[in-house]
Amino acid sequence: DATSPTCAAVKVALQHVRHEGVTGYITIDASRNPSKKI
């Protein structure tokens, strides 16, 4: 999803990731912590 193949761009993309993982549907909250089910 990153706009360019740079560390900075990937870091920004991680902040907005919406990922269906095996541990749950993962988003990143305002504190940059993953938010998902327990």
PDB file of all heavy atoms in Angstrom:
ATOM      1  N   ASP A   1       0.802  -1.223   0.000  1.00  0.00           N
ATOM      2  CA  ASP A   1       0.000   0.000   0.000  1.00  0.00           C
ATOM      3  C   ASP A   1       0.835   1.272   0.000  1.00  0.00           C
ATOM      4  O   ASP A   1       0.300   2.370  -0.230  1.00  0.00           O
ATOM      5  CB  ASP A   1      -0.915   0.023   1.229  1.00  0.00           C
ATOM      6  CG  ASP A   1      -1.967  -1.087   1.184  1.00  0.00           C
ATOM      7  OD1 ASP A   1      -2.218  -1.613   0.081  1.00  0.00           O
ATOM      8  OD2 ASP A   1      -2.521  -1.421   2.248  1.00  0.00           O
ATOM      9  N   ALA A   2       2.120   1.162   0.298  1.00  0.00           N
ATOM     10  CA  ALA A   2       2.967   2.355   0.412  1.00  0.00           C
ATOM     11  C   ALA A   2       3.045   3.105  -0.920  1.00  0.00           C
ATOM     12  O   ALA A   2       3.031   2.502  -1.996  1.00  0.00           O
ATOM     13  CB  ALA A   2       4.366   1.965   0.879  1.00  0.00           C
ATOM     14  N   THR A   3       3.143   4.415  -0.817  1.00  0.00           N
ATOM     15  CA  THR A   3       3.201   5.244  -2.028  1.00  0.00           C
ATOM     16  C   THR A   3       4.547   5.158  -2.721  1.00  0.00           C
ATOM     17  O   THR A   3       4.670   5.544  -3.887  1.00  0.00           O
ATOM     18  CB  THR A   3       2.898   6.704  -1.670  1.00  0.00           C
ATOM     19  OG1 THR A   3       3.823   7.140  -0.657  1.00  0.00           O
ATOM     20  CG2 THR A   3       1.465   6.843  -1.145  1.00  0.00           C
ATOM     21  N   SER A   4       5.570   4.696  -2.008  1.00  0.00           N
ATOM     22  CA  SER A   4       6.894   4.513  -2.601  1.00  0.00           C
ATOM     23  C   SER A   4       7.645   3.459  -1.798  1.00  0.00           C
ATOM     24  O   SER A   4       7.304   3.204  -0.633  1.00  0.00           O
ATOM     25  CB  SER A   4       7.682   5.832  -2.610  1.00  0.00           C
ATOM     26  OG  SER A   4       7.972   6.245  -1.282  1.00  0.00           O
ATOM     27  N   PRO A   5       8.666   2.850  -2.373  1.00  0.00           N
ATOM     28  CA  PRO A   5       9.404   1.787  -1.672  1.00  0.00           C
ATOM     29  C   PRO A   5      10.454   2.356  -0.725  1.00  0.00           C
ATOM     30  O   PRO A   5      11.648   2.044  -0.830  1.00  0.00           O
ATOM     31  CB  PRO A   5      10.031   0.997  -2.822  1.00  0.00           C
ATOM     32  CG  PRO A   5      10.276   2.022  -3.870  1.00  0.00           C
ATOM     33  CD  PRO A   5       9.124   2.982  -3.776  1.00  0.00           C
ATOM     34  N   THR A   6      10.015   3.180   0.227  1.00  0.00           N
ATOM     35  CA  THR A   6      10.920   3.774   1.209  1.00  0.00           C
ATOM     36  C   THR A   6      10.449   3.448   2.611  1.00  0.00           C
ATOM     37  O   THR A   6       9.258   3.164   2.831  1.00  0.00           O
ATOM     38  CB  THR A   6      10.976   5.304   1.053  1.00  0.00           C
ATOM     39  OG1 THR A   6       9.673   5.852   1.334  1.00  0.00           O
ATOM     40  CG2 THR A   6      11.403   5.683  -0.370  1.00  0.00           C
ATOM     41  N   CYS A   7      11.366   3.518   3.554  1.00  0.00           N
ATOM     42  CA  CYS A   7      11.005   3.244   4.949  1.00  0.00           C
ATOM     43  C   CYS A   7       9.922   4.201   5.433  1.00  0.00           C
ATOM     44  O   CYS A   7       8.982   3.806   6.135  1.00  0.00           O
ATOM     45  CB  CYS A   7      12.243   3.357   5.841  1.00  0.00           C
ATOM     46  SG  CYS A   7      13.455   2.046   5.581  1.00  0.00           S
ATOM     47  N   ALA A   8      10.043   5.481   5.079  1.00  0.00           N
ATOM     48  CA  ALA A   8       9.079   6.486   5.526  1.00  0.00           C
ATOM     49  C   ALA A   8       7.681   6.176   4.999  1.00  0.00           C
ATOM     50  O   ALA A   8       6.679   6.280   5.723  1.00  0.00           O
ATOM     51  CB  ALA A   8       9.527   7.873   5.076  1.00  0.00           C
ATOM     52  N   ALA A   9       7.608   5.805   3.716  1.00  0.00           N
ATOM     53  CA  ALA A   9       6.304   5.516   3.122  1.00  0.00           C
ATOM     54  C   ALA A   9       5.676   4.262   3.728  1.00  0.00           C
ATOM     55  O   ALA A   9       4.463   4.210   3.972  1.00  0.00           O
ATOM     56  CB  ALA A   9       6.441   5.363   1.613  1.00  0.00           C
ATOM     57  N   VAL A  10       6.488   3.247   3.984  1.00  0.00           N
ATOM     58  CA  VAL A  10       5.973   2.019   4.603  1.00  0.00           C
ATOM     59  C   VAL A  10       5.496   2.305   6.026  1.00  0.00           C
ATOM     60  O   VAL A  10       4.460   1.786   6.469  1.00  0.00           O
ATOM     61  CB  VAL A  10       7.047   0.912   4.589  1.00  0.00           C
ATOM     62  CG1 VAL A  10       6.585  -0.301   5.400  1.00  0.00           C
ATOM     63  CG2 VAL A  10       7.361   0.500   3.158  1.00  0.00           C
ATOM     64  N   LYS A  11       6.212   3.145   6.741  1.00  0.00           N
ATOM     65  CA  LYS A  11       5.816   3.516   8.103  1.00  0.00           C
ATOM     66  C   LYS A  11       4.452   4.184   8.091  1.00  0.00           C
ATOM     67  O   LYS A  11       3.588   3.885   8.931  1.00  0.00           O
ATOM     68  CB  LYS A  11       6.865   4.441   8.710  1.00  0.00           C
ATOM     69  CG  LYS A  11       6.557   4.859  10.137  1.00  0.00           C
ATOM     70  CD  LYS A  11       7.672   5.729  10.681  1.00  0.00           C
ATOM     71  CE  LYS A  11       7.363   6.184  12.110  1.00  0.00           C
ATOM     72  NZ  LYS A  11       8.431   7.054  12.659  1.00  0.00           N
ATOM     73  N   VAL A  12       4.237   5.088   7.157  1.00  0.00           N
ATOM     74  CA  VAL A  12       2.934   5.747   7.041  1.00  0.00           C
ATOM     75  C   VAL A  12       1.851   4.730   6.704  1.00  0.00           C
ATOM     76  O   VAL A  12       0.752   4.742   7.273  1.00  0.00           O
ATOM     77  CB  VAL A  12       2.980   6.863   5.975  1.00  0.00           C
ATOM     78  CG1 VAL A  12       1.577   7.389   5.682  1.00  0.00           C
ATOM     79  CG2 VAL A  12       3.884   8.000   6.432  1.00  0.00           C
ATOM     80  N   ALA A  13       2.140   3.824   5.792  1.00  0.00           N
ATOM     81  CA  ALA A  13       1.163   2.810   5.396  1.00  0.00           C
ATOM     82  C   ALA A  13       0.796   1.898   6.563  1.00  0.00           C
ATOM     83  O   ALA A  13      -0.365   1.501   6.718  1.00  0.00           O
ATOM     84  CB  ALA A  13       1.707   1.987   4.227  1.00  0.00           C
ATOM     85  N   LEU A  14       1.767   1.588   7.414  1.00  0.00           N
ATOM     86  CA  LEU A  14       1.490   0.753   8.589  1.00  0.00           C
ATOM     87  C   LEU A  14       0.496   1.409   9.534  1.00  0.00           C
ATOM     88  O   LEU A  14      -0.308   0.734  10.177  1.00  0.00           O
ATOM     89  CB  LEU A  14       2.789   0.447   9.340  1.00  0.00           C
ATOM     90  CG  LEU A  14       3.593  -0.764   8.881  1.00  0.00           C
ATOM     91  CD1 LEU A  14       4.949  -0.801   9.576  1.00  0.00           C
ATOM     92  CD2 LEU A  14       2.825  -2.057   9.157  1.00  0.00           C
ATOM     93  N   GLN A  15       0.545   2.733   9.616  1.00  0.00           N
ATOM     94  CA  GLN A  15      -0.359   3.447  10.517  1.00  0.00           C
ATOM     95  C   GLN A  15      -1.812   3.339  10.065  1.00  0.00           C
ATOM     96  O   GLN A  15      -2.733   3.548  10.863  1.00  0.00           O
ATOM     97  CB  GLN A  15       0.050   4.911  10.605  1.00  0.00           C
ATOM     98  CG  GLN A  15       1.412   5.131  11.246  1.00  0.00           C
ATOM     99  CD  GLN A  15       1.861   6.586  11.180  1.00  0.00           C
ATOM    100  OE1 GLN A  15       1.094   7.468  10.810  1.00  0.00           O
ATOM    101  NE2 GLN A  15       3.107   6.825  11.529  1.00  0.00           N
ATOM    102  N   HIS A  16      -2.017   2.991   8.799  1.00  0.00           N
ATOM    103  CA  HIS A  16      -3.376   2.919   8.254  1.00  0.00           C
ATOM    104  C   HIS A  16      -3.744   1.506   7.809  1.00  0.00           C
ATOM    105  O   HIS A  16      -4.723   1.326   7.096  1.00  0.00           O
ATOM    106  CB  HIS A  16      -3.501   3.885   7.070  1.00  0.00           C
ATOM    107  CG  HIS A  16      -3.190   5.313   7.422  1.00  0.00           C
ATOM    108  ND1 HIS A  16      -4.066   6.109   8.136  1.00  0.00           N
ATOM    109  CD2 HIS A  16      -2.088   6.074   7.189  1.00  0.00           C
ATOM    110  CE1 HIS A  16      -3.528   7.307   8.307  1.00  0.00           C
ATOM    111  NE2 HIS A  16      -2.327   7.308   7.754  1.00  0.00           N
ATOM    112  N   VAL A  17      -2.984   0.534   8.261  1.00  0.00           N
ATOM    113  CA  VAL A  17      -3.200  -0.833   7.811  1.00  0.00           C
ATOM    114  C   VAL A  17      -4.536  -1.364   8.322  1.00  0.00           C
ATOM    115  O   VAL A  17      -4.975  -1.049   9.429  1.00  0.00           O
ATOM    116  CB  VAL A  17      -2.033  -1.748   8.264  1.00  0.00           C
ATOM    117  CG1 VAL A  17      -2.070  -1.986   9.781  1.00  0.00           C
ATOM    118  CG2 VAL A  17      -2.051  -3.071   7.520  1.00  0.00           C
ATOM    119  N   ARG A  18      -5.198  -2.121   7.483  1.00  0.00           N
ATOM    120  CA  ARG A  18      -6.406  -2.867   7.849  1.00  0.00           C
ATOM    121  C   ARG A  18      -6.165  -4.289   7.394  1.00  0.00           C
ATOM    122  O   ARG A  18      -6.251  -4.596   6.206  1.00  0.00           O
ATOM    123  CB  ARG A  18      -7.642  -2.285   7.167  1.00  0.00           C
ATOM    124  CG  ARG A  18      -7.939  -0.827   7.485  1.00  0.00           C
ATOM    125  CD  ARG A  18      -8.431  -0.664   8.921  1.00  0.00           C
ATOM    126  NE  ARG A  18      -8.843   0.708   9.204  1.00  0.00           N
ATOM    127  CZ  ARG A  18      -8.025   1.667   9.623  1.00  0.00           C
ATOM    128  NH1 ARG A  18      -6.726   1.399   9.780  1.00  0.00           N
ATOM    129  NH2 ARG A  18      -8.463   2.880   9.871  1.00  0.00           N
ATOM    130  N   HIS A  19      -5.857  -5.161   8.344  1.00  0.00           N
ATOM    131  CA  HIS A  19      -5.366  -6.489   7.968  1.00  0.00           C
ATOM    132  C   HIS A  19      -6.220  -7.582   8.589  1.00  0.00           C
ATOM    133  O   HIS A  19      -6.457  -7.587   9.806  1.00  0.00           O
ATOM    134  CB  HIS A  19      -3.922  -6.652   8.441  1.00  0.00           C
ATOM    135  CG  HIS A  19      -3.325  -7.981   8.111  1.00  0.00           C
ATOM    136  ND1 HIS A  19      -3.074  -8.403   6.821  1.00  0.00           N
ATOM    137  CD2 HIS A  19      -2.930  -9.008   8.928  1.00  0.00           C
ATOM    138  CE1 HIS A  19      -2.544  -9.611   6.850  1.00  0.00           C
ATOM    139  NE2 HIS A  19      -2.455 -10.003   8.110  1.00  0.00           N
ATOM    140  N   GLU A  20      -6.690  -8.505   7.753  1.00  0.00           N
ATOM    141  CA  GLU A  20      -7.357  -9.692   8.288  1.00  0.00           C
ATOM    142  C   GLU A  20      -6.289 -10.723   8.616  1.00  0.00           C
ATOM    143  O   GLU A  20      -5.749 -11.393   7.737  1.00  0.00           O
ATOM    144  CB  GLU A  20      -8.348 -10.298   7.302  1.00  0.00           C
ATOM    145  CG  GLU A  20      -9.057 -11.505   7.924  1.00  0.00           C
ATOM    146  CD  GLU A  20      -9.857 -12.344   6.940  1.00  0.00           C
ATOM    147  OE1 GLU A  20      -9.985 -11.926   5.775  1.00  0.00           O
ATOM    148  OE2 GLU A  20     -10.333 -13.424   7.349  1.00  0.00           O
ATOM    149  N   GLY A  21      -5.981 -10.840   9.889  1.00  0.00           N
ATOM    150  CA  GLY A  21      -4.981 -11.796  10.320  1.00  0.00           C
ATOM    151  C   GLY A  21      -5.617 -13.017  10.934  1.00  0.00           C
ATOM    152  O   GLY A  21      -6.836 -13.106  11.096  1.00  0.00           O
ATOM    153  N   VAL A  22      -4.797 -13.987  11.293  1.00  0.00           N
ATOM    154  CA  VAL A  22      -5.322 -15.177  11.967  1.00  0.00           C
ATOM    155  C   VAL A  22      -5.619 -14.902  13.432  1.00  0.00           C
ATOM    156  O   VAL A  22      -6.356 -15.643  14.073  1.00  0.00           O
ATOM    157  CB  VAL A  22      -4.363 -16.369  11.809  1.00  0.00           C
ATOM    158  CG1 VAL A  22      -4.253 -16.777  10.353  1.00  0.00           C
ATOM    159  CG2 VAL A  22      -2.988 -16.078  12.394  1.00  0.00           C
ATOM    160  N   THR A  23      -5.047 -13.817  13.973  1.00  0.00           N
ATOM    161  CA  THR A  23      -5.378 -13.425  15.346  1.00  0.00           C
ATOM    162  C   THR A  23      -6.561 -12.467  15.391  1.00  0.00           C
ATOM    163  O   THR A  23      -6.982 -12.072  16.480  1.00  0.00           O
ATOM    164  CB  THR A  23      -4.174 -12.771  16.046  1.00  0.00           C
ATOM    165  OG1 THR A  23      -3.819 -11.565  15.356  1.00  0.00           O
ATOM    166  CG2 THR A  23      -2.991 -13.704  16.096  1.00  0.00           C
ATOM    167  N   GLY A  24      -7.090 -12.070  14.237  1.00  0.00           N
ATOM    168  CA  GLY A  24      -8.250 -11.180  14.197  1.00  0.00           C
ATOM    169  C   GLY A  24      -8.111 -10.137  13.110  1.00  0.00           C
ATOM    170  O   GLY A  24      -7.139 -10.118  12.351  1.00  0.00           O
ATOM    171  N   TYR A  25      -9.087  -9.251  13.049  1.00  0.00           N
ATOM    172  CA  TYR A  25      -9.059  -8.129  12.121  1.00  0.00           C
ATOM    173  C   TYR A  25      -8.308  -6.996  12.807  1.00  0.00           C
ATOM    174  O   TYR A  25      -8.780  -6.448  13.811  1.00  0.00           O
ATOM    175  CB  TYR A  25     -10.468  -7.724  11.740  1.00  0.00           C
ATOM    176  CG  TYR A  25     -11.167  -8.763  10.900  1.00  0.00           C
ATOM    177  CD1 TYR A  25     -11.878  -9.804  11.503  1.00  0.00           C
ATOM    178  CD2 TYR A  25     -11.092  -8.746   9.505  1.00  0.00           C
ATOM    179  CE1 TYR A  25     -12.516 -10.780  10.743  1.00  0.00           C
ATOM    180  CE2 TYR A  25     -11.724  -9.719   8.738  1.00  0.00           C
ATOM    181  CZ  TYR A  25     -12.432 -10.721   9.366  1.00  0.00           C
ATOM    182  OH  TYR A  25     -13.049 -11.691   8.611  1.00  0.00           O
ATOM    183  N   ILE A  26      -7.161  -6.633  12.271  1.00  0.00           N
ATOM    184  CA  ILE A  26      -6.226  -5.753  12.968  1.00  0.00           C
ATOM    185  C   ILE A  26      -6.236  -4.360  12.348  1.00  0.00           C
ATOM    186  O   ILE A  26      -6.116  -4.205  11.130  1.00  0.00           O
ATOM    187  CB  ILE A  26      -4.795  -6.327  12.908  1.00  0.00           C
ATOM    188  CG1 ILE A  26      -4.777  -7.760  13.454  1.00  0.00           C
ATOM    189  CG2 ILE A  26      -3.827  -5.444  13.692  1.00  0.00           C
ATOM    190  CD1 ILE A  26      -3.484  -8.501  13.161  1.00  0.00           C
ATOM    191  N   THR A  27      -6.379  -3.359  13.211  1.00  0.00           N
ATOM    192  CA  THR A  27      -6.175  -1.970  12.829  1.00  0.00           C
ATOM    193  C   THR A  27      -5.170  -1.370  13.802  1.00  0.00           C
ATOM    194  O   THR A  27      -4.868  -1.955  14.845  1.00  0.00           O
ATOM    195  CB  THR A  27      -7.478  -1.163  12.871  1.00  0.00           C
ATOM    196  OG1 THR A  27      -8.018  -1.202  14.207  1.00  0.00           O
ATOM    197  CG2 THR A  27      -8.516  -1.742  11.912  1.00  0.00           C
ATOM    198  N   ILE A  28      -4.664  -0.195  13.462  1.00  0.00           N
ATOM    199  CA  ILE A  28      -3.708   0.494  14.327  1.00  0.00           C
ATOM    200  C   ILE A  28      -4.407   1.722  14.909  1.00  0.00           C
ATOM    201  O   ILE A  28      -4.960   2.542  14.159  1.00  0.00           O
ATOM    202  CB  ILE A  28      -2.452   0.920  13.548  1.00  0.00           C
ATOM    203  CG1 ILE A  28      -1.799  -0.310  12.901  1.00  0.00           C
ATOM    204  CG2 ILE A  28      -1.464   1.636  14.461  1.00  0.00           C
ATOM    205  CD1 ILE A  28      -1.321  -1.351  13.872  1.00  0.00           C
ATOM    206  N   ASP A  29      -4.398   1.840  16.237  1.00  0.00           N
ATOM    207  CA  ASP A  29      -5.103   2.961  16.861  1.00  0.00           C
ATOM    208  C   ASP A  29      -4.234   4.212  16.886  1.00  0.00           C
ATOM    209  O   ASP A  29      -3.102   4.223  16.377  1.00  0.00           O
ATOM    210  CB  ASP A  29      -5.595   2.592  18.265  1.00  0.00           C
ATOM    211  CG  ASP A  29      -4.466   2.304  19.259  1.00  0.00           C
ATOM    212  OD1 ASP A  29      -3.323   2.771  19.025  1.00  0.00           O
ATOM    213  OD2 ASP A  29      -4.732   1.647  20.278  1.00  0.00           O
ATOM    214  N   ALA A  30      -4.758   5.274  17.502  1.00  0.00           N
ATOM    215  CA  ALA A  30      -4.069   6.558  17.505  1.00  0.00           C
ATOM    216  C   ALA A  30      -2.733   6.512  18.236  1.00  0.00           C
ATOM    217  O   ALA A  30      -1.857   7.351  18.003  1.00  0.00           O
ATOM    218  CB  ALA A  30      -4.969   7.630  18.131  1.00  0.00           C
ATOM    219  N   SER A  31      -2.583   5.538  19.138  1.00  0.00           N
ATOM    220  CA  SER A  31      -1.321   5.387  19.880  1.00  0.00           C
ATOM    221  C   SER A  31      -0.371   4.419  19.188  1.00  0.00           C
ATOM    222  O   SER A  31       0.633   4.022  19.765  1.00  0.00           O
ATOM    223  CB  SER A  31      -1.606   4.910  21.308  1.00  0.00           C
ATOM    224  OG  SER A  31      -2.426   5.830  21.990  1.00  0.00           O
ATOM    225  N   ARG A  32      -0.735   4.023  17.964  1.00  0.00           N
ATOM    226  CA  ARG A  32       0.051   3.093  17.145  1.00  0.00           C
ATOM    227  C   ARG A  32       0.110   1.696  17.742  1.00  0.00           C
ATOM    228  O   ARG A  32       1.063   0.951  17.541  1.00  0.00           O
ATOM    229  CB  ARG A  32       1.455   3.651  16.883  1.00  0.00           C
ATOM    230  CG  ARG A  32       1.446   4.925  16.058  1.00  0.00           C
ATOM    231  CD  ARG A  32       2.831   5.373  15.685  1.00  0.00           C
ATOM    232  NE  ARG A  32       3.585   5.797  16.860  1.00  0.00           N
ATOM    233  CZ  ARG A  32       4.847   6.239  16.811  1.00  0.00           C
ATOM    234  NH1 ARG A  32       5.484   6.296  15.665  1.00  0.00           N
ATOM    235  NH2 ARG A  32       5.470   6.610  17.912  1.00  0.00           N
ATOM    236  N   ASN A  33      -0.922   1.337  18.486  1.00  0.00           N
ATOM    237  CA  ASN A  33      -1.057  -0.011  19.010  1.00  0.00           C
ATOM    238  C   ASN A  33      -2.066  -0.784  18.163  1.00  0.00           C
ATOM    239  O   ASN A  33      -3.048  -0.200  17.678  1.00  0.00           O
ATOM    240  CB  ASN A  33      -1.539   0.013  20.462  1.00  0.00           C
ATOM    241  CG  ASN A  33      -0.510   0.602  21.396  1.00  0.00           C
ATOM    242  OD1 ASN A  33       0.666   0.268  21.307  1.00  0.00           O
ATOM    243  ND2 ASN A  33      -0.928   1.477  22.287  1.00  0.00           N
ATOM    244  N   PRO A  34      -1.860  -2.082  17.970  1.00  0.00           N
ATOM    245  CA  PRO A  34      -2.841  -2.867  17.219  1.00  0.00           C
ATOM    246  C   PRO A  34      -4.129  -3.029  18.014  1.00  0.00           C
ATOM    247  O   PRO A  34      -4.103  -3.269  19.228  1.00  0.00           O
ATOM    248  CB  PRO A  34      -2.136  -4.215  17.018  1.00  0.00           C
ATOM    249  CG  PRO A  34      -1.136  -4.292  18.120  1.00  0.00           C
ATOM    250  CD  PRO A  34      -0.705  -2.887  18.397  1.00  0.00           C
ATOM    251  N   SER A  35      -5.242  -2.874  17.332  1.00  0.00           N
ATOM    252  CA  SER A  35      -6.548  -3.021  17.962  1.00  0.00           C
ATOM    253  C   SER A  35      -7.241  -4.231  17.345  1.00  0.00           C
ATOM    254  O   SER A  35      -7.456  -4.284  16.130  1.00  0.00           O
ATOM    255  CB  SER A  35      -7.384  -1.757  17.741  1.00  0.00           C
ATOM    256  OG  SER A  35      -8.673  -1.903  18.306  1.00  0.00           O
ATOM    257  N   LYS A  36      -7.583  -5.216  18.171  1.00  0.00           N
ATOM    258  CA  LYS A  36      -8.252  -6.424  17.676  1.00  0.00           C
ATOM    259  C   LYS A  36      -8.890  -7.150  18.857  1.00  0.00           C
ATOM    260  O   LYS A  36      -8.761  -6.725  20.010  1.00  0.00           O
ATOM    261  CB  LYS A  36      -7.265  -7.351  16.967  1.00  0.00           C
ATOM    262  CG  LYS A  36      -6.089  -7.815  17.801  1.00  0.00           C
ATOM    263  CD  LYS A  36      -5.120  -8.623  16.948  1.00  0.00           C
ATOM    264  CE  LYS A  36      -3.877  -9.022  17.735  1.00  0.00           C
ATOM    265  NZ  LYS A  36      -4.178  -9.908  18.862  1.00  0.00           N
ATOM    266  N   LYS A  37      -9.565  -8.237  18.559  1.00  0.00           N
ATOM    267  CA  LYS A  37     -10.252  -8.992  19.599  1.00  0.00           C
ATOM    268  C   LYS A  37      -9.265  -9.681  20.540  1.00  0.00           C
ATOM    269  O   LYS A  37      -8.152 -10.018  20.159  1.00  0.00           O
ATOM    270  CB  LYS A  37     -11.166 -10.041  18.962  1.00  0.00           C
ATOM    271  CG  LYS A  37     -12.379  -9.465  18.259  1.00  0.00           C
ATOM    272  CD  LYS A  37     -13.248 -10.568  17.689  1.00  0.00           C
ATOM    273  CE  LYS A  37     -14.482  -9.994  17.028  1.00  0.00           C
ATOM    274  NZ  LYS A  37     -15.347 -11.060  16.454  1.00  0.00           N
ATOM    275  N   ILE A  38      -9.731  -9.894  21.760  1.00  0.00           N
ATOM    276  CA  ILE A  38      -8.999 -10.677  22.752  1.00  0.00           C
ATOM    277  C   ILE A  38      -9.676 -12.042  22.846  1.00  0.00           C
ATOM    278  O   ILE A  38     -10.906 -12.129  22.881  1.00  0.00           O
ATOM    279  CB  ILE A  38      -9.022  -9.967  24.118  1.00  0.00           C
ATOM    280  CG1 ILE A  38      -8.276  -8.638  24.034  1.00  0.00           C
ATOM    281  CG2 ILE A  38      -8.428 -10.853  25.207  1.00  0.00           C
ATOM    282  CD1 ILE A  38      -8.612  -7.694  25.160  1.00  0.00           C
TER     283      ILE A  38
END
